[in-house]
């Protein structure tokens, strides 16, 4: 019985060391420390997004989204433009792959033509981008700045929507 217990302990220690080695290799690799701009990492997807409490819609001035007969005005396009500028104003590093997005964040989707596509999800701490059917996380260089800008864009969008 003691021999079986000893073997199980040795296996547990070896597996733990292997897991810690993988985590240490990830943290010290260029993969986790390389900085990217938003334009280098952006993705587009129609896949379901993490559960969002709010959405920021990105419209393009002069576009006719959905079945609309009226073009998008500069005022209506402003919140999305402001949100994109906030995303582009940061640099990002990749998150450890096992981290998942938290819920009740801000979903950002682009509406151009007839089909909207989810381009990002902000969970209050990390930016999540669609990547081949799943969401990949990135840590922004200044989470407080991006949070403030996205909340401002959301407030601006809600003010425009409520005025009409």
N, C-alpha and C. Protein backbone atom coordinates (compact mmCIF):
# COMPACT_ATOMS: atom_id res chain seq x y z
N UNK A 1 0.82 -1.19 0.00
CA UNK A 1 0.00 0.00 0.00
C UNK A 1 0.87 1.27 0.00
N UNK A 2 1.94 1.25 0.81
CA UNK A 2 2.83 2.41 0.86
C UNK A 2 3.53 2.62 -0.47
N UNK A 3 3.83 1.52 -1.17
CA UNK A 3 4.51 1.63 -2.45
C UNK A 3 3.60 2.30 -3.49
N UNK A 4 2.30 1.97 -3.49
CA UNK A 4 1.35 2.59 -4.41
C UNK A 4 1.18 4.08 -4.11
N UNK A 5 1.12 4.40 -2.83
CA UNK A 5 1.00 5.79 -2.43
C UNK A 5 2.24 6.58 -2.84
N UNK A 6 3.40 6.00 -2.68
CA UNK A 6 4.65 6.62 -3.07
C UNK A 6 4.68 6.91 -4.57
N UNK A 7 4.22 5.95 -5.38
CA UNK A 7 4.19 6.11 -6.84
C UNK A 7 3.23 7.22 -7.23
N UNK A 8 2.06 7.28 -6.58
CA UNK A 8 1.09 8.34 -6.87
C UNK A 8 1.66 9.72 -6.50
N UNK A 9 2.37 9.80 -5.40
CA UNK A 9 2.99 11.08 -5.00
C UNK A 9 4.04 11.52 -6.02
N UNK A 10 4.86 10.58 -6.48
CA UNK A 10 5.88 10.90 -7.47
C UNK A 10 5.23 11.38 -8.77
N UNK A 11 4.16 10.72 -9.20
CA UNK A 11 3.45 11.13 -10.43
C UNK A 11 2.86 12.53 -10.25
N UNK A 12 2.25 12.79 -9.09
CA UNK A 12 1.66 14.11 -8.83
C UNK A 12 2.72 15.21 -8.86
N UNK A 13 3.88 14.94 -8.27
CA UNK A 13 4.97 15.92 -8.27
C UNK A 13 5.47 16.17 -9.69
N UNK A 14 5.63 15.12 -10.47
CA UNK A 14 6.10 15.27 -11.84
C UNK A 14 5.11 16.06 -12.69
N UNK A 15 3.81 15.77 -12.56
CA UNK A 15 2.80 16.51 -13.31
C UNK A 15 2.76 17.98 -12.88
N UNK A 16 2.89 18.22 -11.58
CA UNK A 16 2.92 19.61 -11.10
C UNK A 16 4.12 20.36 -11.65
N UNK A 17 5.27 19.71 -11.63
CA UNK A 17 6.48 20.35 -12.16
C UNK A 17 6.34 20.63 -13.65
N UNK A 18 5.74 19.70 -14.38
CA UNK A 18 5.52 19.91 -15.82
C UNK A 18 4.60 21.10 -16.06
N UNK A 19 3.49 21.17 -15.30
CA UNK A 19 2.55 22.28 -15.44
C UNK A 19 3.18 23.61 -15.10
N UNK A 20 3.95 23.65 -14.01
CA UNK A 20 4.63 24.88 -13.63
C UNK A 20 5.68 25.27 -14.66
N UNK A 21 6.34 24.26 -15.24
CA UNK A 21 7.31 24.54 -16.30
C UNK A 21 6.67 25.16 -17.52
N UNK A 22 5.50 24.65 -17.90
CA UNK A 22 4.78 25.23 -19.04
C UNK A 22 4.35 26.66 -18.75
N UNK A 23 3.83 26.90 -17.55
CA UNK A 23 3.41 28.25 -17.18
C UNK A 23 4.60 29.20 -17.17
N UNK A 24 5.73 28.75 -16.61
CA UNK A 24 6.93 29.60 -16.57
C UNK A 24 7.45 29.87 -17.98
N UNK A 25 7.40 28.88 -18.85
CA UNK A 25 7.85 29.07 -20.23
C UNK A 25 6.97 30.08 -20.94
N UNK A 26 5.66 30.03 -20.69
CA UNK A 26 4.74 30.99 -21.31
C UNK A 26 5.04 32.41 -20.83
N UNK A 27 5.19 32.57 -19.53
CA UNK A 27 5.40 33.89 -18.95
C UNK A 27 6.71 34.51 -19.43
N UNK A 28 7.73 33.71 -19.59
CA UNK A 28 9.03 34.25 -20.00
C UNK A 28 9.21 34.33 -21.51
N UNK A 29 8.27 33.79 -22.26
CA UNK A 29 8.42 33.80 -23.72
C UNK A 29 8.03 35.15 -24.31
N UNK A 30 8.42 35.37 -25.53
CA UNK A 30 8.01 36.58 -26.26
C UNK A 30 6.52 36.59 -26.50
N UNK A 31 5.91 35.42 -26.53
CA UNK A 31 4.48 35.30 -26.80
C UNK A 31 3.66 36.10 -25.79
N UNK A 32 4.07 36.09 -24.52
CA UNK A 32 3.29 36.78 -23.50
C UNK A 32 3.74 38.22 -23.27
N UNK A 33 4.89 38.61 -23.78
CA UNK A 33 5.39 39.96 -23.53
C UNK A 33 5.41 40.85 -24.76
N UNK A 34 5.23 40.28 -25.93
CA UNK A 34 5.23 41.07 -27.16
C UNK A 34 4.02 41.99 -27.16
N UNK A 35 4.23 43.24 -27.53
CA UNK A 35 3.14 44.21 -27.56
C UNK A 35 2.61 44.36 -28.99
N UNK A 36 1.30 44.48 -29.08
CA UNK A 36 0.62 44.60 -30.37
C UNK A 36 -0.26 45.84 -30.36
N UNK A 37 -0.46 46.41 -31.54
CA UNK A 37 -1.45 47.47 -31.67
C UNK A 37 -2.79 46.81 -31.94
N UNK A 38 -3.86 47.56 -31.78
CA UNK A 38 -5.19 47.00 -32.03
C UNK A 38 -5.33 46.52 -33.47
N UNK A 39 -4.80 47.29 -34.41
CA UNK A 39 -4.92 46.90 -35.82
C UNK A 39 -4.18 45.60 -36.15
N UNK A 40 -3.18 45.24 -35.36
CA UNK A 40 -2.46 43.98 -35.57
C UNK A 40 -3.24 42.77 -35.06
N UNK A 41 -4.10 42.98 -34.08
CA UNK A 41 -4.77 41.84 -33.46
C UNK A 41 -6.27 41.77 -33.73
N UNK A 42 -6.84 42.81 -34.34
CA UNK A 42 -8.30 42.84 -34.49
C UNK A 42 -8.80 41.65 -35.29
N UNK A 43 -10.02 41.28 -34.99
CA UNK A 43 -10.65 40.17 -35.69
C UNK A 43 -12.12 40.50 -35.93
N UNK A 44 -12.75 39.75 -36.78
CA UNK A 44 -14.17 39.92 -37.06
C UNK A 44 -14.82 38.56 -36.97
N UNK A 45 -15.99 38.52 -36.40
CA UNK A 45 -16.64 37.24 -36.25
C UNK A 45 -18.12 37.44 -36.02
N UNK A 46 -18.90 36.51 -36.49
CA UNK A 46 -20.34 36.50 -36.22
C UNK A 46 -20.64 35.51 -35.10
N UNK A 47 -19.61 34.96 -34.48
CA UNK A 47 -19.81 34.01 -33.40
C UNK A 47 -20.46 34.70 -32.21
N UNK A 48 -21.12 33.92 -31.36
CA UNK A 48 -21.71 34.53 -30.15
C UNK A 48 -20.63 35.16 -29.29
N UNK A 49 -20.97 36.27 -28.68
CA UNK A 49 -20.05 37.00 -27.81
C UNK A 49 -20.27 36.55 -26.37
N UNK A 50 -19.34 36.85 -25.49
CA UNK A 50 -19.60 36.61 -24.06
C UNK A 50 -20.80 37.47 -23.63
N UNK A 51 -21.44 37.11 -22.57
CA UNK A 51 -22.63 37.83 -22.12
C UNK A 51 -22.30 39.29 -21.84
N UNK A 52 -22.94 40.19 -22.57
CA UNK A 52 -22.68 41.62 -22.43
C UNK A 52 -23.85 42.32 -21.77
N UNK A 53 -23.55 43.28 -20.96
CA UNK A 53 -24.58 44.11 -20.37
C UNK A 53 -24.96 45.24 -21.32
N UNK A 54 -24.01 45.70 -22.13
CA UNK A 54 -24.21 46.82 -23.05
C UNK A 54 -23.48 46.56 -24.35
N UNK A 55 -23.88 47.30 -25.38
CA UNK A 55 -23.21 47.22 -26.68
C UNK A 55 -22.88 48.61 -27.16
N UNK A 56 -21.74 48.71 -27.81
CA UNK A 56 -21.41 49.92 -28.56
C UNK A 56 -21.47 49.51 -30.03
N UNK A 57 -22.27 50.22 -30.79
CA UNK A 57 -22.42 49.92 -32.21
C UNK A 57 -21.49 50.82 -33.02
N UNK A 58 -20.75 50.21 -33.90
CA UNK A 58 -19.86 50.97 -34.76
C UNK A 58 -20.54 51.12 -36.12
N UNK A 59 -20.94 52.33 -36.42
CA UNK A 59 -21.53 52.67 -37.71
C UNK A 59 -20.53 53.52 -38.48
N UNK A 60 -20.65 53.50 -39.78
CA UNK A 60 -19.80 54.34 -40.62
C UNK A 60 -20.65 55.38 -41.30
N UNK A 61 -20.19 56.64 -41.22
CA UNK A 61 -20.94 57.75 -41.78
C UNK A 61 -21.20 57.52 -43.27
N UNK A 62 -22.46 57.72 -43.66
CA UNK A 62 -22.85 57.57 -45.05
C UNK A 62 -23.28 56.16 -45.42
N UNK A 63 -23.06 55.19 -44.52
CA UNK A 63 -23.44 53.79 -44.77
C UNK A 63 -24.96 53.64 -44.58
N UNK A 64 -25.51 52.60 -45.14
CA UNK A 64 -26.93 52.27 -45.00
C UNK A 64 -27.02 50.91 -44.29
N UNK A 65 -26.90 50.88 -42.95
CA UNK A 65 -26.88 49.59 -42.25
C UNK A 65 -28.24 48.89 -42.27
N UNK A 66 -28.20 47.57 -42.31
CA UNK A 66 -29.44 46.80 -42.30
C UNK A 66 -30.30 47.13 -43.49
N UNK A 67 -31.55 47.35 -43.24
CA UNK A 67 -32.51 47.68 -44.30
C UNK A 67 -32.85 49.18 -44.30
N UNK A 68 -31.99 49.99 -43.72
CA UNK A 68 -32.22 51.41 -43.59
C UNK A 68 -32.17 52.12 -44.94
N UNK A 69 -33.08 53.09 -45.10
CA UNK A 69 -33.09 53.91 -46.31
C UNK A 69 -32.38 55.25 -46.10
N UNK A 70 -32.02 55.53 -44.85
CA UNK A 70 -31.35 56.80 -44.56
C UNK A 70 -29.89 56.52 -44.18
N UNK A 71 -28.98 57.34 -44.69
CA UNK A 71 -27.56 57.11 -44.37
C UNK A 71 -27.25 57.46 -42.91
N UNK A 72 -26.21 56.90 -42.40
CA UNK A 72 -25.75 57.17 -41.04
C UNK A 72 -25.17 58.57 -40.99
N UNK A 73 -25.62 59.34 -40.00
CA UNK A 73 -25.11 60.71 -39.85
C UNK A 73 -23.79 60.69 -39.08
N UNK A 74 -23.07 61.80 -39.13
CA UNK A 74 -21.80 61.92 -38.39
C UNK A 74 -22.05 61.79 -36.89
N UNK A 75 -23.17 62.34 -36.42
CA UNK A 75 -23.50 62.26 -35.00
C UNK A 75 -23.73 60.81 -34.56
N UNK A 76 -24.43 60.05 -35.37
CA UNK A 76 -24.70 58.65 -35.02
C UNK A 76 -23.43 57.79 -35.11
N UNK A 77 -22.50 58.14 -35.97
CA UNK A 77 -21.25 57.39 -36.12
C UNK A 77 -20.22 57.75 -35.04
N UNK A 78 -20.39 58.88 -34.37
CA UNK A 78 -19.40 59.38 -33.41
C UNK A 78 -19.09 58.41 -32.26
N UNK A 79 -20.09 57.80 -31.58
CA UNK A 79 -19.74 56.89 -30.47
C UNK A 79 -18.86 55.72 -30.90
N UNK A 80 -19.15 55.13 -32.04
CA UNK A 80 -18.35 54.01 -32.53
C UNK A 80 -16.95 54.45 -32.91
N UNK A 81 -16.86 55.63 -33.50
CA UNK A 81 -15.55 56.19 -33.88
C UNK A 81 -14.70 56.43 -32.63
N UNK A 82 -15.35 56.95 -31.60
CA UNK A 82 -14.67 57.21 -30.33
C UNK A 82 -14.21 55.90 -29.68
N UNK A 83 -15.04 54.86 -29.74
CA UNK A 83 -14.68 53.56 -29.18
C UNK A 83 -13.50 52.94 -29.94
N UNK A 84 -13.54 53.03 -31.27
CA UNK A 84 -12.42 52.50 -32.07
C UNK A 84 -11.13 53.24 -31.78
N UNK A 85 -11.21 54.55 -31.61
CA UNK A 85 -10.02 55.33 -31.27
C UNK A 85 -9.46 54.92 -29.90
N UNK A 86 -10.36 54.61 -28.96
CA UNK A 86 -9.91 54.13 -27.64
C UNK A 86 -9.18 52.80 -27.77
N UNK A 87 -9.70 51.90 -28.60
CA UNK A 87 -9.05 50.60 -28.80
C UNK A 87 -7.70 50.77 -29.50
N UNK A 88 -7.66 51.68 -30.46
CA UNK A 88 -6.42 51.89 -31.21
C UNK A 88 -5.37 52.66 -30.42
N UNK A 89 -5.79 53.35 -29.37
CA UNK A 89 -4.86 54.14 -28.56
C UNK A 89 -4.09 53.34 -27.53
N UNK A 90 -4.23 52.04 -27.53
CA UNK A 90 -3.57 51.17 -26.56
C UNK A 90 -2.61 50.21 -27.25
N UNK A 91 -1.69 49.66 -26.48
CA UNK A 91 -0.94 48.50 -26.94
C UNK A 91 -1.40 47.33 -26.07
N UNK A 92 -1.27 46.12 -26.60
CA UNK A 92 -1.83 44.95 -25.94
C UNK A 92 -0.80 43.82 -25.86
N UNK A 93 -0.90 43.07 -24.79
CA UNK A 93 -0.13 41.83 -24.65
C UNK A 93 -1.14 40.69 -24.49
N UNK A 94 -0.76 39.51 -24.98
CA UNK A 94 -1.65 38.35 -24.91
C UNK A 94 -1.80 37.87 -23.47
N UNK A 95 -2.99 37.36 -23.18
CA UNK A 95 -3.24 36.75 -21.88
C UNK A 95 -2.93 35.26 -21.92
N UNK A 96 -2.73 34.68 -20.76
CA UNK A 96 -2.55 33.24 -20.65
C UNK A 96 -3.81 32.58 -21.21
N UNK A 97 -3.69 31.58 -22.08
CA UNK A 97 -4.84 31.01 -22.78
C UNK A 97 -5.95 30.44 -21.90
N UNK A 98 -5.69 30.09 -20.67
CA UNK A 98 -6.73 29.48 -19.83
C UNK A 98 -7.63 30.51 -19.16
N UNK A 99 -7.31 31.79 -19.25
CA UNK A 99 -8.15 32.85 -18.68
C UNK A 99 -9.36 33.04 -19.59
N UNK A 100 -10.53 33.23 -18.98
CA UNK A 100 -11.78 33.42 -19.73
C UNK A 100 -12.37 34.79 -19.40
N UNK A 101 -13.17 35.35 -20.34
CA UNK A 101 -13.77 36.66 -20.09
C UNK A 101 -14.80 36.62 -18.97
N UNK A 102 -14.86 37.70 -18.20
CA UNK A 102 -15.92 37.81 -17.20
C UNK A 102 -17.17 38.35 -17.88
N UNK A 103 -18.29 38.21 -17.22
CA UNK A 103 -19.57 38.59 -17.83
C UNK A 103 -19.96 40.01 -17.48
N UNK A 104 -20.97 40.49 -18.18
CA UNK A 104 -21.54 41.82 -17.99
C UNK A 104 -20.61 42.95 -18.39
N UNK A 105 -19.91 42.76 -19.49
CA UNK A 105 -19.01 43.79 -20.00
C UNK A 105 -19.67 44.59 -21.11
N UNK A 106 -18.85 45.13 -21.98
CA UNK A 106 -19.32 45.93 -23.11
C UNK A 106 -18.95 45.20 -24.40
N UNK A 107 -19.96 44.82 -25.15
CA UNK A 107 -19.74 44.21 -26.46
C UNK A 107 -19.62 45.30 -27.51
N UNK A 108 -18.72 45.13 -28.43
CA UNK A 108 -18.53 46.11 -29.50
C UNK A 108 -18.75 45.39 -30.81
N UNK A 109 -19.72 45.87 -31.58
CA UNK A 109 -19.90 45.23 -32.88
C UNK A 109 -20.10 46.25 -33.97
N UNK A 110 -19.61 45.86 -35.12
CA UNK A 110 -19.61 46.71 -36.30
C UNK A 110 -20.86 46.41 -37.11
N UNK A 111 -21.55 47.47 -37.49
CA UNK A 111 -22.76 47.30 -38.29
C UNK A 111 -22.52 48.00 -39.62
N UNK A 112 -22.32 47.20 -40.65
CA UNK A 112 -22.08 47.72 -41.98
C UNK A 112 -22.84 46.83 -42.95
N UNK A 113 -23.64 47.43 -43.80
CA UNK A 113 -24.46 46.62 -44.69
C UNK A 113 -25.53 45.88 -43.91
N UNK A 114 -25.75 44.64 -44.23
CA UNK A 114 -26.82 43.87 -43.59
C UNK A 114 -26.37 43.01 -42.42
N UNK A 115 -25.09 42.78 -42.29
CA UNK A 115 -24.68 41.83 -41.26
C UNK A 115 -23.76 42.46 -40.22
N UNK A 116 -24.21 42.46 -38.94
CA UNK A 116 -23.33 42.94 -37.88
C UNK A 116 -22.29 41.87 -37.55
N UNK A 117 -21.12 42.30 -37.13
CA UNK A 117 -20.11 41.33 -36.70
C UNK A 117 -19.51 41.82 -35.39
N UNK A 118 -19.33 40.90 -34.47
CA UNK A 118 -18.74 41.22 -33.18
C UNK A 118 -17.24 41.35 -33.37
N UNK A 119 -16.71 42.49 -32.97
CA UNK A 119 -15.27 42.71 -33.18
C UNK A 119 -14.49 42.75 -31.88
N UNK A 120 -15.16 42.96 -30.74
CA UNK A 120 -14.44 43.02 -29.48
C UNK A 120 -15.41 42.92 -28.31
N UNK A 121 -14.86 42.57 -27.18
CA UNK A 121 -15.61 42.51 -25.93
C UNK A 121 -14.69 43.02 -24.81
N UNK A 122 -15.15 44.00 -24.08
CA UNK A 122 -14.38 44.56 -22.97
C UNK A 122 -15.04 44.10 -21.68
N UNK A 123 -14.30 43.38 -20.83
CA UNK A 123 -14.90 42.86 -19.59
C UNK A 123 -14.57 43.73 -18.38
N UNK A 124 -14.00 44.90 -18.61
CA UNK A 124 -13.65 45.80 -17.53
C UNK A 124 -12.18 45.73 -17.15
N UNK A 125 -11.50 44.70 -17.65
CA UNK A 125 -10.09 44.51 -17.34
C UNK A 125 -9.28 44.10 -18.56
N UNK A 126 -9.88 43.28 -19.42
CA UNK A 126 -9.20 42.76 -20.60
C UNK A 126 -10.05 42.96 -21.85
N UNK A 127 -9.37 43.03 -22.98
CA UNK A 127 -10.05 43.11 -24.27
C UNK A 127 -10.04 41.71 -24.88
N UNK A 128 -11.19 41.30 -25.36
CA UNK A 128 -11.34 39.97 -25.96
C UNK A 128 -11.71 40.14 -27.42
N UNK A 129 -10.98 39.43 -28.28
CA UNK A 129 -11.20 39.53 -29.72
C UNK A 129 -11.49 38.15 -30.29
N UNK A 130 -12.39 38.09 -31.28
CA UNK A 130 -12.69 36.79 -31.88
C UNK A 130 -11.49 36.28 -32.67
N UNK A 131 -11.24 34.99 -32.53
CA UNK A 131 -10.11 34.38 -33.23
C UNK A 131 -10.44 32.92 -33.54
N UNK A 132 -10.82 32.66 -34.77
CA UNK A 132 -11.10 31.32 -35.24
C UNK A 132 -12.08 30.56 -34.34
N UNK A 133 -13.22 31.17 -34.07
CA UNK A 133 -14.28 30.49 -33.34
C UNK A 133 -14.23 30.60 -31.82
N UNK A 134 -13.22 31.24 -31.27
CA UNK A 134 -13.18 31.45 -29.83
C UNK A 134 -12.66 32.86 -29.54
N UNK A 135 -12.66 33.24 -28.28
CA UNK A 135 -12.24 34.58 -27.90
C UNK A 135 -10.84 34.54 -27.31
N UNK A 136 -9.96 35.41 -27.81
CA UNK A 136 -8.58 35.50 -27.33
C UNK A 136 -8.47 36.79 -26.52
N UNK A 137 -7.86 36.68 -25.34
CA UNK A 137 -7.76 37.82 -24.43
C UNK A 137 -6.46 38.58 -24.56
N UNK A 138 -6.55 39.89 -24.36
CA UNK A 138 -5.39 40.78 -24.40
C UNK A 138 -5.48 41.77 -23.25
N UNK A 139 -4.35 42.07 -22.66
CA UNK A 139 -4.27 43.07 -21.60
C UNK A 139 -3.85 44.40 -22.22
N UNK A 140 -4.67 45.45 -22.05
CA UNK A 140 -4.29 46.75 -22.60
C UNK A 140 -3.22 47.43 -21.75
N UNK A 141 -2.51 48.36 -22.36
CA UNK A 141 -1.45 49.07 -21.65
C UNK A 141 -2.02 49.95 -20.53
N UNK A 142 -3.22 50.45 -20.70
CA UNK A 142 -3.85 51.27 -19.65
C UNK A 142 -5.34 50.91 -19.55
N UNK A 143 -5.69 49.92 -18.74
CA UNK A 143 -7.09 49.50 -18.62
C UNK A 143 -8.02 50.61 -18.14
N UNK A 144 -7.54 51.48 -17.26
CA UNK A 144 -8.39 52.56 -16.76
C UNK A 144 -8.78 53.53 -17.86
N UNK A 145 -7.83 53.86 -18.73
CA UNK A 145 -8.11 54.78 -19.84
C UNK A 145 -9.12 54.19 -20.81
N UNK A 146 -8.94 52.93 -21.16
CA UNK A 146 -9.86 52.31 -22.12
C UNK A 146 -11.24 52.16 -21.51
N UNK A 147 -11.32 51.85 -20.22
CA UNK A 147 -12.61 51.74 -19.53
C UNK A 147 -13.34 53.09 -19.57
N UNK A 148 -12.62 54.14 -19.25
CA UNK A 148 -13.21 55.48 -19.24
C UNK A 148 -13.70 55.88 -20.64
N UNK A 149 -12.91 55.62 -21.66
CA UNK A 149 -13.29 55.99 -23.02
C UNK A 149 -14.49 55.17 -23.51
N UNK A 150 -14.52 53.87 -23.21
CA UNK A 150 -15.65 53.05 -23.65
C UNK A 150 -16.93 53.43 -22.91
N UNK A 151 -16.82 53.73 -21.63
CA UNK A 151 -18.01 54.18 -20.88
C UNK A 151 -18.51 55.51 -21.44
N UNK A 152 -17.60 56.40 -21.80
CA UNK A 152 -17.97 57.68 -22.41
C UNK A 152 -18.66 57.46 -23.76
N UNK A 153 -18.14 56.53 -24.57
CA UNK A 153 -18.75 56.22 -25.86
C UNK A 153 -20.14 55.64 -25.68
N UNK A 154 -20.29 54.77 -24.70
CA UNK A 154 -21.58 54.16 -24.41
C UNK A 154 -22.59 55.21 -23.98
N UNK A 155 -22.16 56.13 -23.13
CA UNK A 155 -23.03 57.21 -22.66
C UNK A 155 -23.44 58.11 -23.83
N UNK A 156 -22.48 58.42 -24.71
CA UNK A 156 -22.77 59.24 -25.88
C UNK A 156 -23.77 58.52 -26.78
N UNK A 157 -23.56 57.26 -27.02
CA UNK A 157 -24.47 56.47 -27.86
C UNK A 157 -25.88 56.43 -27.25
N UNK A 158 -25.97 56.21 -25.96
CA UNK A 158 -27.29 56.18 -25.30
C UNK A 158 -27.97 57.54 -25.37
N UNK A 159 -27.20 58.63 -25.27
CA UNK A 159 -27.78 59.96 -25.38
C UNK A 159 -28.33 60.22 -26.78
N UNK A 160 -27.63 59.76 -27.80
CA UNK A 160 -28.10 59.93 -29.19
C UNK A 160 -29.35 59.09 -29.41
N UNK A 161 -29.35 57.87 -28.92
CA UNK A 161 -30.50 56.97 -29.09
C UNK A 161 -31.71 57.50 -28.37
N UNK A 162 -31.52 58.04 -27.15
CA UNK A 162 -32.65 58.53 -26.37
C UNK A 162 -33.22 59.84 -26.92
N UNK A 163 -32.39 60.61 -27.64
CA UNK A 163 -32.86 61.88 -28.22
C UNK A 163 -33.77 61.66 -29.40
N UNK A 164 -33.69 60.49 -30.03
CA UNK A 164 -34.46 60.27 -31.26
C UNK A 164 -35.74 59.55 -31.00
